Amino acid sequence: MKSQFEGLDDFKSFYYIPFYRYLKYDAKIGFREMFFYGLNKKSKELDNGGFDGLKSNVGKLNEENLNFEPKTNRYYEEIKKICKINHINLIAIMTPMCENVIGKDYFQKVNKLYPEIHNYENAVIEDQYFSSCGHMNDEGARIFTARIIKDFFKK
């Protein structure tokens, strides 16, 4: 774990200050959840199994530009290695994007780099199922989740 963060400018904060990364990077759950748990106070963020569906979009979604080349990801490589060592079946997926995407061939490029990643870019496509171009709303997330469960966990 230490080696993953050593290159960061604020490494010492990450390493020596408990829950620092939650304070810095996690607005909803992280530190606040730990704090409320310590007070034995229930938070609404953990209602519904931790799922807090996004609202539907209003109007046309802003376009998302994926017109760039994917690169190898050292963290993904480490996760794959850890899973292999521990005999864990890693299921990696590419999630859907809205209809208004520039460079949709990005997903094919990722699949060339990482053929083991399951491409679900078209599992949910209509903008009505998105809160923003890269985030499904509550209804879209439920449709997508049902598809993943059907494809990977129901035989």
C-alpha atoms as a PDB file:
ATOM      1  CA  MET A   1       0.000   0.000   0.000  1.00  0.00           C
ATOM      2  CA  LYS A   2       2.770   2.398   0.942  1.00  0.00           C
ATOM      3  CA  SER A   3       4.483   2.002  -2.431  1.00  0.00           C
ATOM      4  CA  GLN A   4       1.284   3.001  -4.262  1.00  0.00           C
ATOM      5  CA  PHE A   5       1.186   6.406  -2.576  1.00  0.00           C
ATOM      6  CA  GLU A   6       4.900   7.261  -2.234  1.00  0.00           C
ATOM      7  CA  GLY A   7       4.930   9.275  -5.461  1.00  0.00           C
ATOM      8  CA  LEU A   8       2.130  11.617  -4.352  1.00  0.00           C
ATOM      9  CA  ASP A   9       2.929  15.153  -3.278  1.00  0.00           C
ATOM     10  CA  ASP A  10       0.948  14.681  -0.076  1.00  0.00           C
ATOM     11  CA  PHE A  11       2.265  11.175   0.656  1.00  0.00           C
ATOM     12  CA  LYS A  12       3.118  11.946   4.282  1.00  0.00           C
ATOM     13  CA  SER A  13      -0.442  13.103   4.920  1.00  0.00           C
ATOM     14  CA  PHE A  14      -1.818   9.932   3.307  1.00  0.00           C
ATOM     15  CA  TYR A  15       0.531   7.747   5.300  1.00  0.00           C
ATOM     16  CA  TYR A  16       0.545   9.381   8.721  1.00  0.00           C
ATOM     17  CA  ILE A  17      -2.854  11.060   9.134  1.00  0.00           C
ATOM     18  CA  PRO A  18      -5.648   8.539   9.701  1.00  0.00           C
ATOM     19  CA  PHE A  19      -8.527   8.870   7.234  1.00  0.00           C
ATOM     20  CA  TYR A  20      -6.787  11.728   5.374  1.00  0.00           C
ATOM     21  CA  ARG A  21      -7.645  10.272   1.958  1.00  0.00           C
ATOM     22  CA  TYR A  22     -11.308  10.151   2.933  1.00  0.00           C
ATOM     23  CA  LEU A  23     -11.236  13.752   4.057  1.00  0.00           C
ATOM     24  CA  LYS A  24      -9.595  14.828   0.816  1.00  0.00           C
ATOM     25  CA  TYR A  25     -11.271  12.636  -1.785  1.00  0.00           C
ATOM     26  CA  ASP A  26     -14.544  11.265  -0.456  1.00  0.00           C
ATOM     27  CA  ALA A  27     -17.284  13.808   0.120  1.00  0.00           C
ATOM     28  CA  LYS A  28     -20.159  11.490   0.994  1.00  0.00           C
ATOM     29  CA  ILE A  29     -19.035   8.385   2.787  1.00  0.00           C
ATOM     30  CA  GLY A  30     -15.458   8.229   4.080  1.00  0.00           C
ATOM     31  CA  PHE A  31     -14.640  10.263   7.146  1.00  0.00           C
ATOM     32  CA  ARG A  32     -18.173  11.484   7.835  1.00  0.00           C
ATOM     33  CA  GLU A  33     -19.487   7.910   7.925  1.00  0.00           C
ATOM     34  CA  MET A  34     -16.724   6.822  10.260  1.00  0.00           C
ATOM     35  CA  PHE A  35     -17.419   9.824  12.496  1.00  0.00           C
ATOM     36  CA  PHE A  36     -21.170   9.133  12.682  1.00  0.00           C
ATOM     37  CA  TYR A  37     -20.492   5.454  13.308  1.00  0.00           C
ATOM     38  CA  GLY A  38     -18.290   6.441  16.252  1.00  0.00           C
ATOM     39  CA  LEU A  39     -21.195   8.476  17.642  1.00  0.00           C
ATOM     40  CA  ASN A  40     -23.559   5.559  17.015  1.00  0.00           C
ATOM     41  CA  LYS A  41     -25.558   7.849  14.747  1.00  0.00           C
ATOM     42  CA  LYS A  42     -27.126   6.401  11.614  1.00  0.00           C
ATOM     43  CA  SER A  43     -26.437   8.143   8.319  1.00  0.00           C
ATOM     44  CA  LYS A  44     -28.784   8.168   5.350  1.00  0.00           C
ATOM     45  CA  GLU A  45     -25.853   7.452   3.023  1.00  0.00           C
ATOM     46  CA  LEU A  46     -25.926   3.799   4.024  1.00  0.00           C
ATOM     47  CA  ASP A  47     -29.673   3.384   3.547  1.00  0.00           C
ATOM     48  CA  ASN A  48     -30.720   1.149   0.670  1.00  0.00           C
ATOM     49  CA  GLY A  49     -27.534  -0.915   0.933  1.00  0.00           C
ATOM     50  CA  GLY A  50     -25.349   2.127   0.254  1.00  0.00           C
ATOM     51  CA  PHE A  51     -27.011   2.843  -3.089  1.00  0.00           C
ATOM     52  CA  ASP A  52     -28.052   6.449  -3.634  1.00  0.00           C
ATOM     53  CA  GLY A  53     -29.447   6.661  -7.159  1.00  0.00           C
ATOM     54  CA  LEU A  54     -28.809   9.787  -9.170  1.00  0.00           C
ATOM     55  CA  LYS A  55     -31.700  11.846 -10.492  1.00  0.00           C
ATOM     56  CA  SER A  56     -32.692  11.899 -14.139  1.00  0.00           C
ATOM     57  CA  ASN A  57     -31.221  14.489 -16.446  1.00  0.00           C
ATOM     58  CA  VAL A  58     -33.160  17.543 -17.474  1.00  0.00           C
ATOM     59  CA  GLY A  59     -32.705  18.436 -21.115  1.00  0.00           C
ATOM     60  CA  LYS A  60     -29.815  17.486 -23.360  1.00  0.00           C
ATOM     61  CA  LEU A  61     -26.715  16.001 -21.759  1.00  0.00           C
ATOM     62  CA  ASN A  62     -23.335  17.617 -22.275  1.00  0.00           C
ATOM     63  CA  GLU A  63     -21.123  15.633 -24.597  1.00  0.00           C
ATOM     64  CA  GLU A  64     -18.345  13.465 -23.233  1.00  0.00           C
ATOM     65  CA  ASN A  65     -15.065  13.404 -25.138  1.00  0.00           C
ATOM     66  CA  LEU A  66     -13.363  10.006 -25.153  1.00  0.00           C
ATOM     67  CA  ASN A  67     -11.268  10.809 -28.196  1.00  0.00           C
ATOM     68  CA  PHE A  68      -7.919   9.756 -26.750  1.00  0.00           C
ATOM     69  CA  GLU A  69      -5.756   6.658 -26.508  1.00  0.00           C
ATOM     70  CA  PRO A  70      -6.108   4.443 -23.429  1.00  0.00           C
ATOM     71  CA  LYS A  71      -2.926   3.603 -21.535  1.00  0.00           C
ATOM     72  CA  THR A  72      -1.990   0.708 -19.319  1.00  0.00           C
ATOM     73  CA  ASN A  73      -3.055   1.278 -15.744  1.00  0.00           C
ATOM     74  CA  ARG A  74      -0.611   0.164 -13.072  1.00  0.00           C
ATOM     75  CA  TYR A  75      -3.308   0.004 -10.391  1.00  0.00           C
ATOM     76  CA  TYR A  76      -5.485  -2.237 -12.545  1.00  0.00           C
ATOM     77  CA  GLU A  77      -2.425  -4.413 -13.219  1.00  0.00           C
ATOM     78  CA  GLU A  78      -1.791  -4.670  -9.454  1.00  0.00           C
ATOM     79  CA  ILE A  79      -5.422  -5.572  -8.797  1.00  0.00           C
ATOM     80  CA  LYS A  80      -5.250  -8.324 -11.444  1.00  0.00           C
ATOM     81  CA  LYS A  81      -2.051  -9.665  -9.894  1.00  0.00           C
ATOM     82  CA  ILE A  82      -3.517  -9.692  -6.370  1.00  0.00           C
ATOM     83  CA  CYS A  83      -6.648 -11.459  -7.619  1.00  0.00           C
ATOM     84  CA  LYS A  84      -4.602 -14.088  -9.450  1.00  0.00           C
ATOM     85  CA  ILE A  85      -2.417 -14.787  -6.411  1.00  0.00           C
ATOM     86  CA  ASN A  86      -5.494 -15.124  -4.189  1.00  0.00           C
ATOM     87  CA  HIS A  87      -7.565 -17.125  -6.701  1.00  0.00           C
ATOM     88  CA  ILE A  88     -10.188 -14.376  -6.985  1.00  0.00           C
ATOM     89  CA  ASN A  89     -12.278 -14.222 -10.140  1.00  0.00           C
ATOM     90  CA  LEU A  90     -12.018 -10.568 -11.159  1.00  0.00           C
ATOM     91  CA  ILE A  91     -14.854  -9.371 -13.370  1.00  0.00           C
ATOM     92  CA  ALA A  92     -13.856  -6.112 -15.033  1.00  0.00           C
ATOM     93  CA  ILE A  93     -16.446  -4.238 -17.070  1.00  0.00           C
ATOM     94  CA  MET A  94     -16.699  -1.078 -19.134  1.00  0.00           C
ATOM     95  CA  THR A  95     -19.846   0.754 -18.144  1.00  0.00           C
ATOM     96  CA  PRO A  96     -22.324   2.512 -20.440  1.00  0.00           C
ATOM     97  CA  MET A  97     -22.043   6.116 -21.550  1.00  0.00           C
ATOM     98  CA  CYS A  98     -24.781   8.399 -22.858  1.00  0.00           C
ATOM     99  CA  GLU A  99     -25.538   8.746 -26.566  1.00  0.00           C
ATOM    100  CA  ASN A 100     -23.661  12.033 -26.837  1.00  0.00           C
ATOM    101  CA  VAL A 101     -20.098  10.668 -26.736  1.00  0.00           C
ATOM    102  CA  ILE A 102     -17.254  11.781 -28.971  1.00  0.00           C
ATOM    103  CA  GLY A 103     -14.816   8.959 -29.677  1.00  0.00           C
ATOM    104  CA  LYS A 104     -16.962   5.919 -28.904  1.00  0.00           C
ATOM    105  CA  ASP A 105     -14.215   3.771 -30.433  1.00  0.00           C
ATOM    106  CA  TYR A 106     -12.383   4.327 -27.127  1.00  0.00           C
ATOM    107  CA  PHE A 107     -14.054   1.194 -25.772  1.00  0.00           C
ATOM    108  CA  GLN A 108     -12.711  -0.892 -28.651  1.00  0.00           C
ATOM    109  CA  LYS A 109      -9.247   0.544 -27.990  1.00  0.00           C
ATOM    110  CA  VAL A 110      -9.496  -0.422 -24.324  1.00  0.00           C
ATOM    111  CA  ASN A 111     -10.568  -3.931 -25.346  1.00  0.00           C
ATOM    112  CA  LYS A 112      -7.451  -4.260 -27.505  1.00  0.00           C
ATOM    113  CA  LEU A 113      -5.307  -3.235 -24.527  1.00  0.00           C
ATOM    114  CA  TYR A 114      -7.278  -5.317 -22.011  1.00  0.00           C
ATOM    115  CA  PRO A 115      -9.274  -8.029 -23.815  1.00  0.00           C
ATOM    116  CA  GLU A 116     -10.488  -9.486 -20.496  1.00  0.00           C
ATOM    117  CA  ILE A 117     -12.616  -6.414 -19.785  1.00  0.00           C
ATOM    118  CA  HIS A 118     -16.247  -7.028 -20.658  1.00  0.00           C
ATOM    119  CA  ASN A 119     -17.627  -4.258 -22.844  1.00  0.00           C
ATOM    120  CA  TYR A 120     -21.051  -3.092 -21.649  1.00  0.00           C
ATOM    121  CA  GLU A 121     -20.981   0.307 -23.333  1.00  0.00           C
ATOM    122  CA  ASN A 122     -24.295  -0.423 -25.077  1.00  0.00           C
ATOM    123  CA  ALA A 123     -26.106  -2.183 -22.225  1.00  0.00           C
ATOM    124  CA  VAL A 124     -27.953   1.078 -21.495  1.00  0.00           C
ATOM    125  CA  ILE A 125     -27.860   3.720 -24.205  1.00  0.00           C
ATOM    126  CA  GLU A 126     -30.763   6.145 -24.144  1.00  0.00           C
ATOM    127  CA  ASP A 127     -30.052   9.495 -22.484  1.00  0.00           C
ATOM    128  CA  GLN A 128     -33.197   9.118 -20.367  1.00  0.00           C
ATOM    129  CA  TYR A 129     -31.222   6.591 -18.270  1.00  0.00           C
ATOM    130  CA  PHE A 130     -28.366   8.964 -17.453  1.00  0.00           C
ATOM    131  CA  SER A 131     -27.855  11.732 -14.941  1.00  0.00           C
ATOM    132  CA  SER A 132     -24.779  12.932 -16.813  1.00  0.00           C
ATOM    133  CA  CYS A 133     -23.036  11.441 -19.809  1.00  0.00           C
ATOM    134  CA  GLY A 134     -20.854   9.167 -17.688  1.00  0.00           C
ATOM    135  CA  HIS A 135     -23.264   8.442 -14.824  1.00  0.00           C
ATOM    136  CA  MET A 136     -26.488   6.456 -15.037  1.00  0.00           C
ATOM    137  CA  ASN A 137     -29.482   7.679 -13.090  1.00  0.00           C
ATOM    138  CA  ASP A 138     -31.427   5.463 -10.690  1.00  0.00           C
ATOM    139  CA  GLU A 139     -33.450   3.737 -13.421  1.00  0.00           C
ATOM    140  CA  GLY A 140     -30.420   3.227 -15.673  1.00  0.00           C
ATOM    141  CA  ALA A 141     -28.374   1.825 -12.788  1.00  0.00           C
ATOM    142  CA  ARG A 142     -31.121  -0.662 -11.972  1.00  0.00           C
ATOM    143  CA  ILE A 143     -31.368  -1.821 -15.598  1.00  0.00           C
ATOM    144  CA  PHE A 144     -27.600  -2.145 -15.841  1.00  0.00           C
ATOM    145  CA  THR A 145     -27.302  -3.992 -12.528  1.00  0.00           C
ATOM    146  CA  ALA A 146     -29.995  -6.471 -13.591  1.00  0.00           C
ATOM    147  CA  ARG A 147     -28.037  -7.149 -16.789  1.00  0.00           C
ATOM    148  CA  ILE A 148     -24.759  -7.718 -14.914  1.00  0.00           C
ATOM    149  CA  ILE A 149     -26.449 -10.065 -12.433  1.00  0.00           C
ATOM    150  CA  LYS A 150     -28.064 -12.004 -15.287  1.00  0.00           C
ATOM    151  CA  ASP A 151     -24.835 -12.259 -17.296  1.00  0.00           C
ATOM    152  CA  PHE A 152     -22.423 -13.121 -14.483  1.00  0.00           C
ATOM    153  CA  PHE A 153     -24.322 -14.533 -11.528  1.00  0.00           C
ATOM    154  CA  LYS A 154     -27.381 -16.402 -12.831  1.00  0.00           C
ATOM    155  CA  LYS A 155     -26.786 -19.684 -14.585  1.00  0.00           C
END
